[in-house]
């Protein structure tokens, strides 16, 4: 599927049209045939990959239990158990990245929690940080000891930052944008 074209079309739809489309997709995914097809290819104990919509990235886990409509998955890093939809399981190893052509900056679909990205602060200094949370219009970044909320359009990919573990260095990429509004996240 060409997700770039689909996202461009969805960007022209009304909120009501999007809501109707989501309801139709949910009805199709709730049909027993879809779930049975996925369940037939799985067995408890299997290592799987699934898409975490909140973090916008693929996550690895171990299938612990198959329930009627959802699977119980163990996150090997945190040892936490999650209930996920069978539709979220990536059986065929599909590429989960949506490469949207954005004129400036990055989009919500092109970044994931844990990615390292850069931006230019109010003093026109390059900064780099690790994404902690994806918000509607901004990302929350950990930049050294501070957290920043930065608009998606002001972000750029970081190829090499020279940062060590837990210590993100300032970056040396030039950006000619004149007016930039970036605010440290309010912790209150």
C-alpha atoms as a PDB file:
ATOM      1  CA  UNK A   1       0.000   0.000   0.000  1.00  0.00           C
ATOM      2  CA  UNK A   2       1.144   3.525  -0.705  1.00  0.00           C
ATOM      3  CA  UNK A   3       0.683   5.143   2.711  1.00  0.00           C
ATOM      4  CA  UNK A   4       1.866   8.530   1.444  1.00  0.00           C
ATOM      5  CA  UNK A   5      -1.087   8.722  -0.954  1.00  0.00           C
ATOM      6  CA  UNK A   6      -3.512   7.398   1.659  1.00  0.00           C
ATOM      7  CA  UNK A   7      -2.357   9.986   4.227  1.00  0.00           C
ATOM      8  CA  UNK A   8      -2.631  12.776   1.655  1.00  0.00           C
ATOM      9  CA  UNK A   9      -6.212  11.716   0.893  1.00  0.00           C
ATOM     10  CA  UNK A  10      -7.067  11.406   4.599  1.00  0.00           C
ATOM     11  CA  UNK A  11      -5.681  14.906   5.153  1.00  0.00           C
ATOM     12  CA  UNK A  12      -8.458  16.231   2.903  1.00  0.00           C
ATOM     13  CA  UNK A  13     -11.251  14.333   4.698  1.00  0.00           C
ATOM     14  CA  UNK A  14     -13.505  15.838   7.339  1.00  0.00           C
ATOM     15  CA  UNK A  15     -13.369  14.675  10.940  1.00  0.00           C
ATOM     16  CA  UNK A  16     -16.741  12.989  10.445  1.00  0.00           C
ATOM     17  CA  UNK A  17     -15.480  11.113   7.363  1.00  0.00           C
ATOM     18  CA  UNK A  18     -12.430   9.927   9.310  1.00  0.00           C
ATOM     19  CA  UNK A  19     -14.622   8.790  12.206  1.00  0.00           C
ATOM     20  CA  UNK A  20     -16.876   6.829   9.816  1.00  0.00           C
ATOM     21  CA  UNK A  21     -13.832   5.243   8.180  1.00  0.00           C
ATOM     22  CA  UNK A  22     -12.375   4.242  11.561  1.00  0.00           C
ATOM     23  CA  UNK A  23     -15.720   2.657  12.559  1.00  0.00           C
ATOM     24  CA  UNK A  24     -15.818   0.683   9.289  1.00  0.00           C
ATOM     25  CA  UNK A  25     -12.226  -0.524   9.723  1.00  0.00           C
ATOM     26  CA  UNK A  26     -12.914  -1.549  13.338  1.00  0.00           C
ATOM     27  CA  UNK A  27     -15.966  -3.576  12.192  1.00  0.00           C
ATOM     28  CA  UNK A  28     -13.907  -5.390   9.551  1.00  0.00           C
ATOM     29  CA  UNK A  29     -11.076  -6.159  11.990  1.00  0.00           C
ATOM     30  CA  UNK A  30     -13.569  -7.506  14.552  1.00  0.00           C
ATOM     31  CA  UNK A  31     -14.809 -10.147  12.109  1.00  0.00           C
ATOM     32  CA  UNK A  32     -13.862 -13.618  13.388  1.00  0.00           C
ATOM     33  CA  UNK A  33     -12.205 -14.594  10.087  1.00  0.00           C
ATOM     34  CA  UNK A  34      -9.389 -12.066  10.507  1.00  0.00           C
ATOM     35  CA  UNK A  35      -8.630 -13.150  14.045  1.00  0.00           C
ATOM     36  CA  UNK A  36      -8.819 -16.865  13.166  1.00  0.00           C
ATOM     37  CA  UNK A  37      -6.369 -16.371  10.276  1.00  0.00           C
ATOM     38  CA  UNK A  38      -3.833 -14.774  12.623  1.00  0.00           C
ATOM     39  CA  UNK A  39      -4.422 -17.306  15.404  1.00  0.00           C
ATOM     40  CA  UNK A  40      -3.822 -20.192  12.968  1.00  0.00           C
ATOM     41  CA  UNK A  41      -0.269 -18.941  12.373  1.00  0.00           C
ATOM     42  CA  UNK A  42       0.610 -18.503  16.053  1.00  0.00           C
ATOM     43  CA  UNK A  43       1.288 -20.654  19.081  1.00  0.00           C
ATOM     44  CA  UNK A  44       1.843 -19.661  22.720  1.00  0.00           C
ATOM     45  CA  UNK A  45       5.539 -19.170  23.429  1.00  0.00           C
ATOM     46  CA  UNK A  46       6.266 -17.770  19.962  1.00  0.00           C
ATOM     47  CA  UNK A  47       8.383 -14.650  19.603  1.00  0.00           C
ATOM     48  CA  UNK A  48       6.398 -12.020  17.722  1.00  0.00           C
ATOM     49  CA  UNK A  49       6.617  -8.434  16.546  1.00  0.00           C
ATOM     50  CA  UNK A  50       3.631  -6.126  16.882  1.00  0.00           C
ATOM     51  CA  UNK A  51       2.899  -2.485  16.144  1.00  0.00           C
ATOM     52  CA  UNK A  52       2.494  -0.198  19.172  1.00  0.00           C
ATOM     53  CA  UNK A  53       0.286   2.652  17.927  1.00  0.00           C
ATOM     54  CA  UNK A  54       1.017   4.829  20.974  1.00  0.00           C
ATOM     55  CA  UNK A  55       4.787   4.717  20.418  1.00  0.00           C
ATOM     56  CA  UNK A  56       4.406   4.501  16.593  1.00  0.00           C
ATOM     57  CA  UNK A  57       6.942   1.695  16.274  1.00  0.00           C
ATOM     58  CA  UNK A  58       7.338  -2.072  16.076  1.00  0.00           C
ATOM     59  CA  UNK A  59       7.873  -3.894  19.372  1.00  0.00           C
ATOM     60  CA  UNK A  60       9.117  -7.435  19.974  1.00  0.00           C
ATOM     61  CA  UNK A  61       7.441  -9.695  22.492  1.00  0.00           C
ATOM     62  CA  UNK A  62       6.581 -13.249  23.416  1.00  0.00           C
ATOM     63  CA  UNK A  63       3.076 -14.584  22.908  1.00  0.00           C
ATOM     64  CA  UNK A  64       1.863 -15.958  26.240  1.00  0.00           C
ATOM     65  CA  UNK A  65      -1.812 -16.629  25.653  1.00  0.00           C
ATOM     66  CA  UNK A  66      -4.349 -16.430  22.834  1.00  0.00           C
ATOM     67  CA  UNK A  67      -7.731 -15.172  23.953  1.00  0.00           C
ATOM     68  CA  UNK A  68     -10.840 -14.898  21.791  1.00  0.00           C
ATOM     69  CA  UNK A  69     -10.252 -11.313  20.568  1.00  0.00           C
ATOM     70  CA  UNK A  70      -6.814 -10.407  21.928  1.00  0.00           C
ATOM     71  CA  UNK A  71      -3.395 -11.885  22.607  1.00  0.00           C
ATOM     72  CA  UNK A  72      -1.451 -11.651  25.862  1.00  0.00           C
ATOM     73  CA  UNK A  73       2.134 -10.607  25.101  1.00  0.00           C
ATOM     74  CA  UNK A  74       5.162 -10.368  27.377  1.00  0.00           C
ATOM     75  CA  UNK A  75       7.557  -7.476  26.828  1.00  0.00           C
ATOM     76  CA  UNK A  76      11.000  -9.085  27.326  1.00  0.00           C
ATOM     77  CA  UNK A  77      12.647  -5.804  28.404  1.00  0.00           C
ATOM     78  CA  UNK A  78      10.172  -4.648  31.045  1.00  0.00           C
ATOM     79  CA  UNK A  79       8.654  -8.090  31.830  1.00  0.00           C
ATOM     80  CA  UNK A  80       5.210  -6.447  31.594  1.00  0.00           C
ATOM     81  CA  UNK A  81       2.240  -8.204  30.026  1.00  0.00           C
ATOM     82  CA  UNK A  82       0.061  -6.498  27.423  1.00  0.00           C
ATOM     83  CA  UNK A  83      -3.239  -7.305  25.749  1.00  0.00           C
ATOM     84  CA  UNK A  84      -2.956  -6.538  22.050  1.00  0.00           C
ATOM     85  CA  UNK A  85      -5.245  -6.916  19.062  1.00  0.00           C
ATOM     86  CA  UNK A  86      -4.449  -9.793  16.734  1.00  0.00           C
ATOM     87  CA  UNK A  87      -4.435  -7.259  13.887  1.00  0.00           C
ATOM     88  CA  UNK A  88      -1.418  -5.514  15.499  1.00  0.00           C
ATOM     89  CA  UNK A  89       0.776  -8.616  15.105  1.00  0.00           C
ATOM     90  CA  UNK A  90       3.186  -8.298  12.190  1.00  0.00           C
ATOM     91  CA  UNK A  91       3.167 -11.876  10.893  1.00  0.00           C
ATOM     92  CA  UNK A  92       4.852 -11.166   7.557  1.00  0.00           C
ATOM     93  CA  UNK A  93       7.574  -8.767   8.747  1.00  0.00           C
ATOM     94  CA  UNK A  94       6.004  -5.797   6.948  1.00  0.00           C
ATOM     95  CA  UNK A  95       7.840  -2.472   7.071  1.00  0.00           C
ATOM     96  CA  UNK A  96       5.999  -0.408   9.702  1.00  0.00           C
ATOM     97  CA  UNK A  97       7.553   2.950   8.783  1.00  0.00           C
ATOM     98  CA  UNK A  98       5.293   5.322   6.896  1.00  0.00           C
ATOM     99  CA  UNK A  99       7.478   7.507   4.751  1.00  0.00           C
ATOM    100  CA  UNK A 100       5.415  10.589   4.242  1.00  0.00           C
ATOM    101  CA  UNK A 101       6.841  13.294   2.014  1.00  0.00           C
ATOM    102  CA  UNK A 102       6.849  16.336   4.265  1.00  0.00           C
ATOM    103  CA  UNK A 103       8.064  19.690   2.916  1.00  0.00           C
ATOM    104  CA  UNK A 104       9.781  20.793   6.161  1.00  0.00           C
ATOM    105  CA  UNK A 105      10.698  18.955   9.309  1.00  0.00           C
ATOM    106  CA  UNK A 106       9.292  15.592  10.244  1.00  0.00           C
ATOM    107  CA  UNK A 107       5.758  14.285  10.720  1.00  0.00           C
ATOM    108  CA  UNK A 108       4.158  12.308  13.546  1.00  0.00           C
ATOM    109  CA  UNK A 109       4.140   9.251  11.302  1.00  0.00           C
ATOM    110  CA  UNK A 110       7.878   9.462  10.562  1.00  0.00           C
ATOM    111  CA  UNK A 111       9.170   9.384  14.155  1.00  0.00           C
ATOM    112  CA  UNK A 112       8.865   6.956  17.053  1.00  0.00           C
ATOM    113  CA  UNK A 113       9.458   6.979  20.783  1.00  0.00           C
ATOM    114  CA  UNK A 114      13.186   6.423  21.345  1.00  0.00           C
ATOM    115  CA  UNK A 115      14.343   8.068  18.091  1.00  0.00           C
ATOM    116  CA  UNK A 116      17.105  10.670  18.341  1.00  0.00           C
ATOM    117  CA  UNK A 117      16.233  13.872  16.467  1.00  0.00           C
ATOM    118  CA  UNK A 118      17.586  17.392  16.248  1.00  0.00           C
ATOM    119  CA  UNK A 119      16.165  20.915  16.201  1.00  0.00           C
ATOM    120  CA  UNK A 120      17.305  24.532  16.408  1.00  0.00           C
ATOM    121  CA  UNK A 121      16.503  26.310  19.702  1.00  0.00           C
ATOM    122  CA  UNK A 122      15.516  29.977  20.204  1.00  0.00           C
ATOM    123  CA  UNK A 123      19.164  31.031  20.351  1.00  0.00           C
ATOM    124  CA  UNK A 124      19.713  29.310  16.976  1.00  0.00           C
ATOM    125  CA  UNK A 125      21.788  26.512  18.526  1.00  0.00           C
ATOM    126  CA  UNK A 126      21.494  22.976  17.239  1.00  0.00           C
ATOM    127  CA  UNK A 127      20.126  20.602  19.857  1.00  0.00           C
ATOM    128  CA  UNK A 128      19.540  16.894  19.849  1.00  0.00           C
ATOM    129  CA  UNK A 129      17.335  14.750  22.004  1.00  0.00           C
ATOM    130  CA  UNK A 130      15.655  11.395  22.399  1.00  0.00           C
ATOM    131  CA  UNK A 131      11.884  11.258  21.860  1.00  0.00           C
ATOM    132  CA  UNK A 132      10.039  10.415  25.080  1.00  0.00           C
ATOM    133  CA  UNK A 133       6.442  11.001  23.970  1.00  0.00           C
ATOM    134  CA  UNK A 134       4.499  11.754  20.801  1.00  0.00           C
ATOM    135  CA  UNK A 135       1.880  14.443  21.343  1.00  0.00           C
ATOM    136  CA  UNK A 136      -0.699  15.686  18.814  1.00  0.00           C
ATOM    137  CA  UNK A 137       1.328  18.663  17.562  1.00  0.00           C
ATOM    138  CA  UNK A 138       4.667  18.275  19.361  1.00  0.00           C
ATOM    139  CA  UNK A 139       7.130  15.690  20.625  1.00  0.00           C
ATOM    140  CA  UNK A 140       8.533  15.593  24.126  1.00  0.00           C
ATOM    141  CA  UNK A 141      12.321  15.276  23.959  1.00  0.00           C
ATOM    142  CA  UNK A 142      14.925  14.550  26.604  1.00  0.00           C
ATOM    143  CA  UNK A 143      17.733  17.023  25.854  1.00  0.00           C
ATOM    144  CA  UNK A 144      20.462  16.552  28.429  1.00  0.00           C
ATOM    145  CA  UNK A 145      18.874  17.190  31.843  1.00  0.00           C
ATOM    146  CA  UNK A 146      15.883  19.083  30.343  1.00  0.00           C
ATOM    147  CA  UNK A 147      12.682  18.059  28.616  1.00  0.00           C
ATOM    148  CA  UNK A 148      11.548  20.074  25.617  1.00  0.00           C
ATOM    149  CA  UNK A 149       8.323  20.125  23.619  1.00  0.00           C
ATOM    150  CA  UNK A 150       9.112  20.785  19.968  1.00  0.00           C
ATOM    151  CA  UNK A 151       6.777  20.964  16.954  1.00  0.00           C
ATOM    152  CA  UNK A 152       7.190  18.151  14.415  1.00  0.00           C
ATOM    153  CA  UNK A 153       7.918  20.642  11.634  1.00  0.00           C
ATOM    154  CA  UNK A 154      11.033  21.890  13.457  1.00  0.00           C
ATOM    155  CA  UNK A 155      12.617  18.442  13.812  1.00  0.00           C
ATOM    156  CA  UNK A 156      15.205  16.835  11.576  1.00  0.00           C
ATOM    157  CA  UNK A 157      16.882  13.451  11.497  1.00  0.00           C
ATOM    158  CA  UNK A 158      20.195  13.038  13.295  1.00  0.00           C
ATOM    159  CA  UNK A 159      22.677  10.886  11.426  1.00  0.00           C
ATOM    160  CA  UNK A 160      25.539  11.126  13.916  1.00  0.00           C
ATOM    161  CA  UNK A 161      25.410  13.053  17.158  1.00  0.00           C
ATOM    162  CA  UNK A 162      28.583  11.946  18.930  1.00  0.00           C
ATOM    163  CA  UNK A 163      26.528  11.482  22.102  1.00  0.00           C
ATOM    164  CA  UNK A 164      27.307   8.877  24.711  1.00  0.00           C
ATOM    165  CA  UNK A 165      24.726   6.938  26.695  1.00  0.00           C
ATOM    166  CA  UNK A 166      22.343   9.305  28.458  1.00  0.00           C
ATOM    167  CA  UNK A 167      24.298  12.362  27.314  1.00  0.00           C
ATOM    168  CA  UNK A 168      23.063  13.952  24.118  1.00  0.00           C
ATOM    169  CA  UNK A 169      25.525  16.372  22.595  1.00  0.00           C
ATOM    170  CA  UNK A 170      24.687  19.617  20.845  1.00  0.00           C
ATOM    171  CA  UNK A 171      24.629  19.147  17.106  1.00  0.00           C
ATOM    172  CA  UNK A 172      26.478  20.949  14.359  1.00  0.00           C
ATOM    173  CA  UNK A 173      23.917  21.132  11.535  1.00  0.00           C
ATOM    174  CA  UNK A 174      23.041  24.617  10.219  1.00  0.00           C
ATOM    175  CA  UNK A 175      19.448  25.717   9.689  1.00  0.00           C
ATOM    176  CA  UNK A 176      18.458  29.031   8.118  1.00  0.00           C
ATOM    177  CA  UNK A 177      14.930  29.316   9.572  1.00  0.00           C
ATOM    178  CA  UNK A 178      14.543  32.742  11.159  1.00  0.00           C
ATOM    179  CA  UNK A 179      11.566  32.472  13.495  1.00  0.00           C
ATOM    180  CA  UNK A 180      11.384  29.445  15.789  1.00  0.00           C
ATOM    181  CA  UNK A 181       9.160  28.977  18.798  1.00  0.00           C
ATOM    182  CA  UNK A 182      10.355  26.227  21.142  1.00  0.00           C
ATOM    183  CA  UNK A 183       9.425  26.014  24.783  1.00  0.00           C
ATOM    184  CA  UNK A 184      10.832  23.768  27.494  1.00  0.00           C
ATOM    185  CA  UNK A 185       8.100  21.434  28.716  1.00  0.00           C
ATOM    186  CA  UNK A 186       6.132  22.670  31.716  1.00  0.00           C
ATOM    187  CA  UNK A 187       6.601  20.129  34.507  1.00  0.00           C
ATOM    188  CA  UNK A 188       3.795  21.566  36.635  1.00  0.00           C
END
